[in-house]
């Protein structure tokens, strides 16, 4: 493990395994909060001395069994949640590092889904068109905006999301504006 302890760092990673040939993305229907019952990427919490890249590779292996070594940083996502009630379990302000990794059509065909690989939820290949469909209520709402920019985004890019309780108020993409949280 590489020892990296920047003065400022985010706590989580989120990764998307994508097949450019079929335009399919591996999504996880989550078993637990946050986003229980919604389709999302894979990822999780960084260990103390782990880099974001090391974390997303480890989390992908733990949640899918896939060894994705070609992950590319796509910047960061920060969120700010205003709660109208005092009883909530999630942080009001937070963020994560976003990554994409590619696989071939042959690798996709070998990885049969739907699949329950671990306790995190159900994995399935979904087309990007399905994920972006305006009537799709089963995917994490901010992903429909993030996916429009994600495959061209760079590690210096920033996505910000604001919520009131579970209602998304805004999701904005700021190219080149990730100046606080370096990926490496």
N, C-alpha and C. Protein backbone atom coordinates (compact mmCIF):
# COMPACT_ATOMS: atom_id res chain seq x y z
N UNK A 1 0.83 -1.18 0.00
CA UNK A 1 0.00 0.00 0.00
C UNK A 1 0.87 1.24 0.00
N UNK A 2 0.51 2.21 -0.77
CA UNK A 2 1.21 3.48 -0.80
C UNK A 2 0.75 4.31 0.37
N UNK A 3 1.69 4.94 1.05
CA UNK A 3 1.31 5.76 2.19
C UNK A 3 1.00 7.16 1.72
N UNK A 4 -0.26 7.53 1.76
CA UNK A 4 -0.72 8.84 1.34
C UNK A 4 -1.61 9.38 2.43
N UNK A 5 -1.30 10.51 2.98
CA UNK A 5 -2.16 11.13 3.96
C UNK A 5 -2.23 12.63 3.69
N UNK A 6 -2.92 13.02 2.62
CA UNK A 6 -3.03 14.46 2.37
C UNK A 6 -3.79 15.12 3.51
N UNK A 7 -3.52 16.41 3.70
CA UNK A 7 -4.17 17.12 4.78
C UNK A 7 -5.68 17.10 4.62
N UNK A 8 -6.16 17.15 3.41
CA UNK A 8 -7.60 17.08 3.16
C UNK A 8 -7.85 15.89 2.25
N UNK A 9 -8.77 15.06 2.66
CA UNK A 9 -9.16 13.98 1.78
C UNK A 9 -10.59 13.57 2.08
N UNK A 10 -11.21 13.05 1.06
CA UNK A 10 -12.59 12.59 1.18
C UNK A 10 -12.57 11.18 1.77
N UNK A 11 -13.73 10.71 2.22
CA UNK A 11 -13.79 9.43 2.93
C UNK A 11 -14.17 8.25 2.06
N UNK A 12 -14.72 8.51 0.84
CA UNK A 12 -15.30 7.42 0.06
C UNK A 12 -14.84 7.43 -1.39
N UNK A 13 -15.05 6.28 -2.05
CA UNK A 13 -14.84 6.16 -3.49
C UNK A 13 -16.10 5.58 -4.12
N UNK A 14 -16.27 5.86 -5.42
CA UNK A 14 -17.38 5.31 -6.19
C UNK A 14 -16.86 5.00 -7.58
N UNK A 15 -17.04 3.76 -8.02
CA UNK A 15 -16.51 3.35 -9.31
C UNK A 15 -17.56 2.72 -10.21
N UNK A 16 -17.33 2.88 -11.51
CA UNK A 16 -18.24 2.34 -12.52
C UNK A 16 -17.43 1.55 -13.53
N UNK A 17 -17.77 0.27 -13.66
CA UNK A 17 -17.14 -0.62 -14.64
C UNK A 17 -17.97 -0.52 -15.90
N UNK A 18 -17.31 -0.20 -17.02
CA UNK A 18 -18.02 0.12 -18.26
C UNK A 18 -17.43 -0.65 -19.43
N UNK A 19 -18.30 -1.11 -20.32
CA UNK A 19 -17.87 -1.75 -21.56
C UNK A 19 -18.20 -0.81 -22.71
N UNK A 20 -17.20 -0.17 -23.31
CA UNK A 20 -17.46 0.77 -24.41
C UNK A 20 -18.10 0.11 -25.63
N UNK A 21 -17.79 -1.17 -25.88
CA UNK A 21 -18.33 -1.86 -27.06
C UNK A 21 -19.84 -2.05 -26.98
N UNK A 22 -20.35 -2.33 -25.79
CA UNK A 22 -21.79 -2.59 -25.63
C UNK A 22 -22.51 -1.42 -24.95
N UNK A 23 -21.74 -0.44 -24.49
CA UNK A 23 -22.31 0.72 -23.76
C UNK A 23 -23.08 0.26 -22.52
N UNK A 24 -22.53 -0.77 -21.85
CA UNK A 24 -23.13 -1.28 -20.63
C UNK A 24 -22.26 -0.95 -19.43
N UNK A 25 -22.94 -0.72 -18.32
CA UNK A 25 -22.27 -0.34 -17.09
C UNK A 25 -22.73 -1.28 -15.99
N UNK A 26 -21.79 -1.70 -15.14
CA UNK A 26 -22.13 -2.61 -14.03
C UNK A 26 -22.65 -1.77 -12.87
N UNK A 27 -23.87 -2.05 -12.45
CA UNK A 27 -24.48 -1.31 -11.35
C UNK A 27 -24.85 -2.27 -10.23
N UNK A 28 -24.94 -1.71 -9.04
CA UNK A 28 -25.26 -2.46 -7.83
C UNK A 28 -26.56 -1.92 -7.26
N UNK A 29 -27.56 -2.81 -7.09
CA UNK A 29 -28.80 -2.43 -6.43
C UNK A 29 -28.55 -2.65 -4.94
N UNK A 30 -28.46 -1.54 -4.21
CA UNK A 30 -27.96 -1.56 -2.83
C UNK A 30 -28.93 -2.18 -1.84
N UNK A 31 -28.37 -3.00 -0.94
CA UNK A 31 -29.13 -3.63 0.13
C UNK A 31 -29.27 -2.74 1.36
N UNK A 32 -28.43 -1.71 1.47
CA UNK A 32 -28.45 -0.90 2.68
C UNK A 32 -28.34 0.58 2.36
N UNK A 33 -28.56 1.38 3.38
CA UNK A 33 -28.49 2.82 3.26
C UNK A 33 -27.04 3.26 3.12
N UNK A 34 -26.71 4.33 2.46
CA UNK A 34 -27.63 5.18 1.72
C UNK A 34 -27.98 4.56 0.36
N UNK A 35 -29.06 4.99 -0.19
CA UNK A 35 -29.55 4.57 -1.50
C UNK A 35 -30.02 3.13 -1.53
N UNK A 36 -30.54 2.65 -0.42
CA UNK A 36 -31.09 1.30 -0.37
C UNK A 36 -32.16 1.12 -1.46
N UNK A 37 -32.02 0.06 -2.26
CA UNK A 37 -32.98 -0.24 -3.32
C UNK A 37 -32.74 0.52 -4.61
N UNK A 38 -31.71 1.33 -4.67
CA UNK A 38 -31.38 2.11 -5.87
C UNK A 38 -30.14 1.52 -6.53
N UNK A 39 -30.06 1.68 -7.85
CA UNK A 39 -28.89 1.25 -8.61
C UNK A 39 -27.80 2.31 -8.49
N UNK A 40 -26.58 1.87 -8.22
CA UNK A 40 -25.43 2.77 -8.03
C UNK A 40 -24.17 2.03 -8.47
N UNK A 41 -23.05 2.70 -8.39
CA UNK A 41 -21.77 2.06 -8.66
C UNK A 41 -21.31 1.27 -7.45
N UNK A 42 -20.08 0.80 -7.50
CA UNK A 42 -19.47 0.10 -6.37
C UNK A 42 -18.47 1.03 -5.72
N UNK A 43 -18.11 0.73 -4.50
CA UNK A 43 -17.12 1.56 -3.82
C UNK A 43 -17.31 1.49 -2.33
N UNK A 44 -16.60 2.39 -1.64
CA UNK A 44 -16.71 2.36 -0.19
C UNK A 44 -15.74 3.30 0.47
N UNK A 45 -15.51 3.03 1.74
CA UNK A 45 -14.72 3.89 2.60
C UNK A 45 -13.22 3.60 2.46
N UNK A 46 -12.45 4.67 2.38
CA UNK A 46 -10.99 4.54 2.32
C UNK A 46 -10.44 4.08 3.66
N UNK A 47 -9.49 3.15 3.62
CA UNK A 47 -8.75 2.78 4.81
C UNK A 47 -7.76 3.91 5.12
N UNK A 48 -7.27 4.00 6.36
CA UNK A 48 -6.44 5.15 6.77
C UNK A 48 -5.24 5.48 5.87
N UNK A 49 -4.50 4.51 5.44
CA UNK A 49 -3.29 4.79 4.64
C UNK A 49 -3.46 4.44 3.17
N UNK A 50 -4.68 4.33 2.71
CA UNK A 50 -4.99 3.91 1.36
C UNK A 50 -5.22 5.12 0.45
N UNK A 51 -4.74 5.03 -0.78
CA UNK A 51 -5.05 6.08 -1.75
C UNK A 51 -6.45 5.83 -2.31
N UNK A 52 -7.08 6.85 -2.90
CA UNK A 52 -8.39 6.62 -3.52
C UNK A 52 -8.36 5.52 -4.58
N UNK A 53 -7.31 5.48 -5.40
CA UNK A 53 -7.20 4.44 -6.42
C UNK A 53 -7.09 3.05 -5.79
N UNK A 54 -6.26 2.91 -4.77
CA UNK A 54 -6.15 1.62 -4.09
C UNK A 54 -7.50 1.20 -3.50
N UNK A 55 -8.22 2.17 -2.97
CA UNK A 55 -9.52 1.88 -2.37
C UNK A 55 -10.52 1.37 -3.41
N UNK A 56 -10.63 2.05 -4.55
CA UNK A 56 -11.64 1.62 -5.53
C UNK A 56 -11.28 0.26 -6.14
N UNK A 57 -10.01 -0.03 -6.30
CA UNK A 57 -9.60 -1.35 -6.78
C UNK A 57 -9.98 -2.42 -5.76
N UNK A 58 -9.70 -2.16 -4.48
CA UNK A 58 -10.03 -3.11 -3.41
C UNK A 58 -11.55 -3.28 -3.29
N UNK A 59 -12.27 -2.17 -3.26
CA UNK A 59 -13.72 -2.24 -3.11
C UNK A 59 -14.38 -2.97 -4.28
N UNK A 60 -13.88 -2.75 -5.48
CA UNK A 60 -14.42 -3.45 -6.65
C UNK A 60 -14.20 -4.95 -6.53
N UNK A 61 -13.00 -5.34 -6.11
CA UNK A 61 -12.69 -6.76 -5.92
C UNK A 61 -13.61 -7.36 -4.84
N UNK A 62 -13.80 -6.65 -3.72
CA UNK A 62 -14.62 -7.16 -2.62
C UNK A 62 -16.10 -7.24 -3.00
N UNK A 63 -16.59 -6.28 -3.78
CA UNK A 63 -18.03 -6.23 -4.08
C UNK A 63 -18.43 -6.95 -5.36
N UNK A 64 -17.45 -7.21 -6.26
CA UNK A 64 -17.79 -7.84 -7.54
C UNK A 64 -16.95 -9.07 -7.86
N UNK A 65 -15.76 -9.17 -7.28
CA UNK A 65 -14.82 -10.22 -7.64
C UNK A 65 -13.98 -9.86 -8.86
N UNK A 66 -14.25 -8.71 -9.47
CA UNK A 66 -13.49 -8.27 -10.65
C UNK A 66 -12.20 -7.56 -10.25
N UNK A 67 -11.16 -7.81 -11.02
CA UNK A 67 -9.87 -7.12 -10.84
C UNK A 67 -9.79 -6.04 -11.92
N UNK A 68 -10.12 -4.82 -11.58
CA UNK A 68 -10.08 -3.71 -12.52
C UNK A 68 -8.85 -2.87 -12.18
N UNK A 69 -7.85 -2.92 -13.04
CA UNK A 69 -6.62 -2.17 -12.76
C UNK A 69 -6.50 -0.91 -13.61
N UNK A 70 -7.45 -0.69 -14.53
CA UNK A 70 -7.34 0.45 -15.44
C UNK A 70 -8.28 1.59 -15.05
N UNK A 71 -8.60 1.69 -13.77
CA UNK A 71 -9.49 2.78 -13.33
C UNK A 71 -8.88 4.14 -13.65
N UNK A 72 -9.75 5.07 -14.05
CA UNK A 72 -9.37 6.45 -14.36
C UNK A 72 -10.15 7.36 -13.42
N UNK A 73 -9.45 8.31 -12.81
CA UNK A 73 -10.10 9.26 -11.93
C UNK A 73 -10.96 10.22 -12.74
N UNK A 74 -12.20 10.42 -12.29
CA UNK A 74 -13.14 11.32 -12.97
C UNK A 74 -13.53 12.49 -12.07
N UNK A 75 -12.67 12.79 -11.09
CA UNK A 75 -12.91 13.92 -10.22
C UNK A 75 -13.57 13.50 -8.93
N UNK A 76 -14.26 14.47 -8.32
CA UNK A 76 -14.91 14.22 -7.05
C UNK A 76 -16.37 14.66 -7.09
N UNK A 77 -17.13 14.10 -6.17
CA UNK A 77 -18.51 14.50 -5.96
C UNK A 77 -18.62 14.92 -4.50
N UNK A 78 -19.16 16.11 -4.26
CA UNK A 78 -19.44 16.53 -2.89
C UNK A 78 -20.92 16.70 -2.72
N UNK A 79 -21.40 16.50 -1.50
CA UNK A 79 -22.83 16.67 -1.24
C UNK A 79 -23.04 17.51 0.01
N UNK A 80 -24.18 18.16 0.01
CA UNK A 80 -24.62 18.94 1.15
C UNK A 80 -26.10 18.64 1.32
N UNK A 81 -26.47 18.13 2.49
CA UNK A 81 -27.84 17.73 2.75
C UNK A 81 -28.40 18.59 3.89
N UNK A 82 -29.55 19.16 3.65
CA UNK A 82 -30.28 19.87 4.70
C UNK A 82 -31.41 18.96 5.15
N UNK A 83 -31.44 18.66 6.44
CA UNK A 83 -32.47 17.79 6.98
C UNK A 83 -33.54 18.61 7.69
N UNK A 84 -34.79 18.24 7.48
CA UNK A 84 -35.88 18.93 8.15
C UNK A 84 -36.21 18.28 9.49
N UNK A 85 -35.66 17.10 9.73
CA UNK A 85 -35.85 16.41 11.01
C UNK A 85 -34.48 16.13 11.60
N UNK A 86 -34.42 16.00 12.91
CA UNK A 86 -33.15 15.73 13.58
C UNK A 86 -32.69 14.29 13.45
N UNK A 87 -33.60 13.38 13.14
CA UNK A 87 -33.22 11.97 13.09
C UNK A 87 -32.78 11.58 11.68
N UNK A 88 -31.48 11.52 11.48
CA UNK A 88 -30.91 11.07 10.20
C UNK A 88 -29.60 10.35 10.48
N UNK A 89 -29.23 9.47 9.57
CA UNK A 89 -28.05 8.64 9.77
C UNK A 89 -26.87 9.04 8.90
N UNK A 90 -27.06 9.93 7.98
CA UNK A 90 -26.01 10.23 7.01
C UNK A 90 -25.37 11.58 7.31
N UNK A 91 -24.13 11.77 6.89
CA UNK A 91 -23.49 13.07 7.11
C UNK A 91 -24.16 14.15 6.28
N UNK A 92 -24.19 15.35 6.82
CA UNK A 92 -24.80 16.46 6.12
C UNK A 92 -23.92 16.96 4.98
N UNK A 93 -22.61 16.89 5.17
CA UNK A 93 -21.66 17.32 4.15
C UNK A 93 -20.67 16.18 3.96
N UNK A 94 -20.34 15.89 2.72
CA UNK A 94 -19.39 14.81 2.47
C UNK A 94 -18.97 14.79 1.03
N UNK A 95 -18.24 13.75 0.68
CA UNK A 95 -17.78 13.64 -0.69
C UNK A 95 -17.12 12.31 -0.97
N UNK A 96 -16.86 12.10 -2.25
CA UNK A 96 -16.22 10.87 -2.69
C UNK A 96 -15.45 11.10 -3.98
N UNK A 97 -14.53 10.20 -4.25
CA UNK A 97 -13.74 10.19 -5.48
C UNK A 97 -14.46 9.29 -6.48
N UNK A 98 -14.58 9.76 -7.73
CA UNK A 98 -15.27 9.01 -8.78
C UNK A 98 -14.26 8.39 -9.74
N UNK A 99 -14.49 7.14 -10.13
CA UNK A 99 -13.61 6.43 -11.06
C UNK A 99 -14.44 5.67 -12.11
N UNK A 100 -13.84 5.48 -13.28
CA UNK A 100 -14.39 4.56 -14.27
C UNK A 100 -13.30 3.58 -14.68
N UNK A 101 -13.70 2.35 -14.93
CA UNK A 101 -12.79 1.32 -15.42
C UNK A 101 -13.45 0.61 -16.58
N UNK A 102 -12.66 0.24 -17.57
CA UNK A 102 -13.21 -0.39 -18.77
C UNK A 102 -12.92 -1.88 -18.81
N UNK A 103 -13.87 -2.61 -19.39
CA UNK A 103 -13.67 -4.02 -19.68
C UNK A 103 -14.07 -4.27 -21.13
N UNK A 104 -13.64 -5.40 -21.65
CA UNK A 104 -13.97 -5.76 -23.04
C UNK A 104 -15.34 -6.45 -23.08
N UNK A 105 -15.86 -6.57 -24.29
CA UNK A 105 -17.13 -7.28 -24.49
C UNK A 105 -17.01 -8.73 -24.02
N UNK A 106 -15.87 -9.35 -24.27
CA UNK A 106 -15.66 -10.74 -23.85
C UNK A 106 -15.68 -10.86 -22.33
N UNK A 107 -15.04 -9.90 -21.65
CA UNK A 107 -15.05 -9.91 -20.18
C UNK A 107 -16.46 -9.72 -19.65
N UNK A 108 -17.22 -8.83 -20.27
CA UNK A 108 -18.60 -8.60 -19.87
C UNK A 108 -19.42 -9.88 -20.02
N UNK A 109 -19.27 -10.55 -21.16
CA UNK A 109 -20.03 -11.78 -21.41
C UNK A 109 -19.68 -12.89 -20.43
N UNK A 110 -18.44 -12.90 -19.94
CA UNK A 110 -18.02 -13.91 -18.96
C UNK A 110 -18.57 -13.61 -17.57
N UNK A 111 -18.87 -12.35 -17.30
CA UNK A 111 -19.37 -11.94 -15.99
C UNK A 111 -20.89 -11.89 -16.04
N UNK A 112 -21.50 -13.05 -15.81
CA UNK A 112 -22.96 -13.20 -15.94
C UNK A 112 -23.67 -12.51 -14.78
N UNK A 113 -24.71 -11.76 -15.13
CA UNK A 113 -25.55 -11.11 -14.13
C UNK A 113 -27.01 -11.34 -14.50
N UNK A 114 -27.97 -11.14 -13.62
CA UNK A 114 -27.81 -10.59 -12.28
C UNK A 114 -27.06 -11.56 -11.36
N UNK A 115 -26.36 -10.96 -10.41
CA UNK A 115 -25.50 -11.74 -9.53
C UNK A 115 -25.48 -11.10 -8.15
N UNK A 116 -25.56 -11.94 -7.14
CA UNK A 116 -25.30 -11.49 -5.78
C UNK A 116 -23.92 -12.00 -5.44
N UNK A 117 -22.95 -11.10 -5.37
CA UNK A 117 -21.57 -11.50 -5.11
C UNK A 117 -21.25 -11.38 -3.62
N UNK A 118 -21.82 -10.38 -2.98
CA UNK A 118 -21.56 -10.16 -1.56
C UNK A 118 -22.81 -9.55 -0.93
N UNK A 119 -22.73 -9.18 0.32
CA UNK A 119 -23.88 -8.67 1.05
C UNK A 119 -24.32 -7.27 0.62
N UNK A 120 -23.57 -6.62 -0.26
CA UNK A 120 -23.87 -5.25 -0.67
C UNK A 120 -25.13 -5.13 -1.51
N UNK A 121 -25.44 -6.16 -2.32
CA UNK A 121 -26.64 -6.08 -3.15
C UNK A 121 -26.54 -6.91 -4.41
N UNK A 122 -27.41 -6.60 -5.37
CA UNK A 122 -27.48 -7.33 -6.63
C UNK A 122 -26.74 -6.56 -7.71
N UNK A 123 -25.84 -7.23 -8.41
CA UNK A 123 -25.10 -6.64 -9.52
C UNK A 123 -25.79 -6.97 -10.83
N UNK A 124 -25.80 -6.01 -11.75
CA UNK A 124 -26.38 -6.28 -13.07
C UNK A 124 -25.79 -5.30 -14.08
N UNK A 125 -25.64 -5.78 -15.31
CA UNK A 125 -25.23 -4.92 -16.42
C UNK A 125 -26.44 -4.15 -16.91
N UNK A 126 -26.31 -2.86 -17.02
CA UNK A 126 -27.38 -2.00 -17.53
C UNK A 126 -26.80 -1.15 -18.67
N UNK A 127 -27.63 -0.88 -19.66
CA UNK A 127 -27.14 0.00 -20.74
C UNK A 127 -27.11 1.44 -20.22
N UNK A 128 -26.23 2.21 -20.80
CA UNK A 128 -26.16 3.63 -20.44
C UNK A 128 -27.47 4.32 -20.79
N UNK A 129 -28.08 3.90 -21.89
CA UNK A 129 -29.38 4.45 -22.30
C UNK A 129 -30.43 4.20 -21.21
N UNK A 130 -30.45 3.01 -20.64
CA UNK A 130 -31.37 2.69 -19.55
C UNK A 130 -31.11 3.58 -18.34
N UNK A 131 -29.83 3.73 -17.99
CA UNK A 131 -29.47 4.54 -16.82
C UNK A 131 -29.86 6.00 -16.98
N UNK A 132 -29.79 6.50 -18.22
CA UNK A 132 -30.07 7.91 -18.48
C UNK A 132 -31.54 8.21 -18.78
N UNK A 133 -32.37 7.18 -18.90
CA UNK A 133 -33.76 7.40 -19.29
C UNK A 133 -34.47 8.29 -18.27
N UNK A 134 -35.19 9.29 -18.75
CA UNK A 134 -35.83 10.28 -17.88
C UNK A 134 -36.89 9.68 -16.95
N UNK A 135 -37.45 8.54 -17.30
CA UNK A 135 -38.46 7.92 -16.46
C UNK A 135 -37.89 6.86 -15.52
N UNK A 136 -36.58 6.71 -15.48
CA UNK A 136 -35.94 5.72 -14.63
C UNK A 136 -35.86 6.27 -13.20
N UNK A 137 -36.68 5.73 -12.33
CA UNK A 137 -36.69 6.15 -10.93
C UNK A 137 -35.89 5.20 -10.04
N UNK A 138 -35.32 4.16 -10.63
CA UNK A 138 -34.61 3.15 -9.86
C UNK A 138 -33.13 3.40 -9.68
N UNK A 139 -32.62 4.43 -10.30
CA UNK A 139 -31.19 4.72 -10.21
C UNK A 139 -31.00 5.92 -9.29
N UNK A 140 -29.85 5.98 -8.63
CA UNK A 140 -29.56 7.14 -7.78
C UNK A 140 -29.70 8.39 -8.65
N UNK A 141 -30.50 9.34 -8.19
CA UNK A 141 -30.89 10.48 -9.03
C UNK A 141 -29.73 11.32 -9.57
N UNK A 142 -28.69 11.53 -8.79
CA UNK A 142 -27.59 12.36 -9.28
C UNK A 142 -26.79 11.69 -10.39
N UNK A 143 -26.86 10.37 -10.49
CA UNK A 143 -26.10 9.66 -11.52
C UNK A 143 -26.58 10.01 -12.93
N UNK A 144 -27.85 10.29 -13.09
CA UNK A 144 -28.35 10.63 -14.42
C UNK A 144 -27.70 11.92 -14.93
N UNK A 145 -27.32 12.80 -14.05
CA UNK A 145 -26.61 14.02 -14.45
C UNK A 145 -25.12 13.74 -14.57
N UNK A 146 -24.57 13.04 -13.60
CA UNK A 146 -23.13 12.74 -13.60
C UNK A 146 -22.74 11.92 -14.82
N UNK A 147 -23.56 10.92 -15.21
CA UNK A 147 -23.23 10.07 -16.35
C UNK A 147 -23.11 10.87 -17.65
N UNK A 148 -23.78 11.98 -17.76
CA UNK A 148 -23.70 12.80 -18.98
C UNK A 148 -22.31 13.40 -19.17
N UNK A 149 -21.54 13.53 -18.08
CA UNK A 149 -20.21 14.14 -18.13
C UNK A 149 -19.09 13.18 -17.74
N UNK A 150 -19.43 12.13 -17.05
CA UNK A 150 -18.43 11.30 -16.37
C UNK A 150 -17.34 10.73 -17.27
N UNK A 151 -17.67 10.28 -18.44
CA UNK A 151 -16.67 9.60 -19.26
C UNK A 151 -15.68 10.57 -19.90
N UNK A 152 -15.98 11.86 -19.87
CA UNK A 152 -15.04 12.88 -20.34
C UNK A 152 -14.42 13.65 -19.18
N UNK A 153 -14.92 13.45 -17.96
CA UNK A 153 -14.43 14.19 -16.80
C UNK A 153 -12.98 13.81 -16.48
N UNK A 154 -12.29 14.73 -15.85
CA UNK A 154 -10.89 14.55 -15.46
C UNK A 154 -10.80 14.56 -13.93
N UNK A 155 -9.63 14.18 -13.42
CA UNK A 155 -9.46 14.13 -11.97
C UNK A 155 -9.56 15.51 -11.32
N UNK A 156 -9.47 16.56 -12.09
CA UNK A 156 -9.58 17.92 -11.57
C UNK A 156 -11.01 18.45 -11.59
N UNK A 157 -11.97 17.61 -11.95
CA UNK A 157 -13.36 18.06 -12.07
C UNK A 157 -14.14 17.84 -10.77
N UNK A 158 -15.20 18.60 -10.64
CA UNK A 158 -16.01 18.60 -9.42
C UNK A 158 -17.49 18.50 -9.79
N UNK A 159 -18.19 17.60 -9.08
CA UNK A 159 -19.64 17.52 -9.14
C UNK A 159 -20.15 17.89 -7.74
N UNK A 160 -21.12 18.77 -7.67
CA UNK A 160 -21.71 19.12 -6.37
C UNK A 160 -23.19 18.78 -6.40
N UNK A 161 -23.68 18.23 -5.29
CA UNK A 161 -25.08 17.86 -5.18
C UNK A 161 -25.62 18.45 -3.88
N UNK A 162 -26.81 19.02 -3.98
CA UNK A 162 -27.51 19.54 -2.80
C UNK A 162 -28.84 18.84 -2.68
N UNK A 163 -29.14 18.44 -1.43
CA UNK A 163 -30.39 17.76 -1.12
C UNK A 163 -31.10 18.45 0.03
N UNK A 164 -32.41 18.36 0.02
CA UNK A 164 -33.21 18.61 1.21
C UNK A 164 -33.86 17.29 1.52
N UNK A 165 -33.48 16.73 2.66
CA UNK A 165 -33.85 15.36 3.00
C UNK A 165 -33.43 14.47 1.83
N UNK A 166 -34.34 13.73 1.22
CA UNK A 166 -33.96 12.83 0.10
C UNK A 166 -34.27 13.43 -1.27
N UNK A 167 -34.60 14.70 -1.31
CA UNK A 167 -34.96 15.35 -2.58
C UNK A 167 -33.76 16.14 -3.11
N UNK A 168 -33.33 15.80 -4.33
CA UNK A 168 -32.21 16.50 -4.93
C UNK A 168 -32.67 17.88 -5.39
N UNK A 169 -31.97 18.91 -4.91
CA UNK A 169 -32.26 20.27 -5.32
C UNK A 169 -31.40 20.69 -6.51
N UNK A 170 -30.15 20.20 -6.54
CA UNK A 170 -29.27 20.53 -7.66
C UNK A 170 -28.14 19.52 -7.76
N UNK A 171 -27.63 19.37 -8.97
CA UNK A 171 -26.43 18.58 -9.24
C UNK A 171 -25.72 19.31 -10.36
N UNK A 172 -24.55 19.85 -10.05
CA UNK A 172 -23.84 20.71 -11.00
C UNK A 172 -22.44 20.17 -11.25
N UNK A 173 -22.03 20.22 -12.50
CA UNK A 173 -20.70 19.79 -12.94
C UNK A 173 -19.83 21.01 -13.16
N UNK A 174 -18.66 21.01 -12.50
CA UNK A 174 -17.70 22.11 -12.62
C UNK A 174 -16.36 21.57 -13.12
N UNK A 175 -16.11 21.63 -14.43
CA UNK A 175 -14.82 21.15 -14.95
C UNK A 175 -13.66 21.96 -14.35
N UNK A 176 -12.63 21.25 -13.92
CA UNK A 176 -11.41 21.89 -13.43
C UNK A 176 -11.52 22.55 -12.07
N UNK A 177 -12.58 22.33 -11.34
CA UNK A 177 -12.79 23.03 -10.07
C UNK A 177 -12.47 22.19 -8.82
N UNK A 178 -11.92 21.00 -8.99
CA UNK A 178 -11.52 20.19 -7.83
C UNK A 178 -10.12 20.65 -7.41
N UNK A 179 -10.07 21.68 -6.58
CA UNK A 179 -8.77 22.18 -6.15
C UNK A 179 -8.45 21.80 -4.71
N UNK A 180 -9.43 21.31 -3.98
CA UNK A 180 -9.21 20.99 -2.56
C UNK A 180 -8.81 19.55 -2.29
N UNK A 181 -9.24 18.61 -3.13
CA UNK A 181 -9.07 17.20 -2.83
C UNK A 181 -8.31 16.48 -3.94
N UNK A 182 -6.99 16.51 -3.92
CA UNK A 182 -6.23 15.81 -4.96
C UNK A 182 -6.46 14.30 -4.89
N UNK A 183 -6.53 13.69 -6.06
CA UNK A 183 -6.78 12.26 -6.12
C UNK A 183 -5.52 11.48 -5.78
N UNK A 184 -4.37 11.98 -6.18
CA UNK A 184 -3.14 11.22 -5.89
C UNK A 184 -2.29 11.91 -4.86
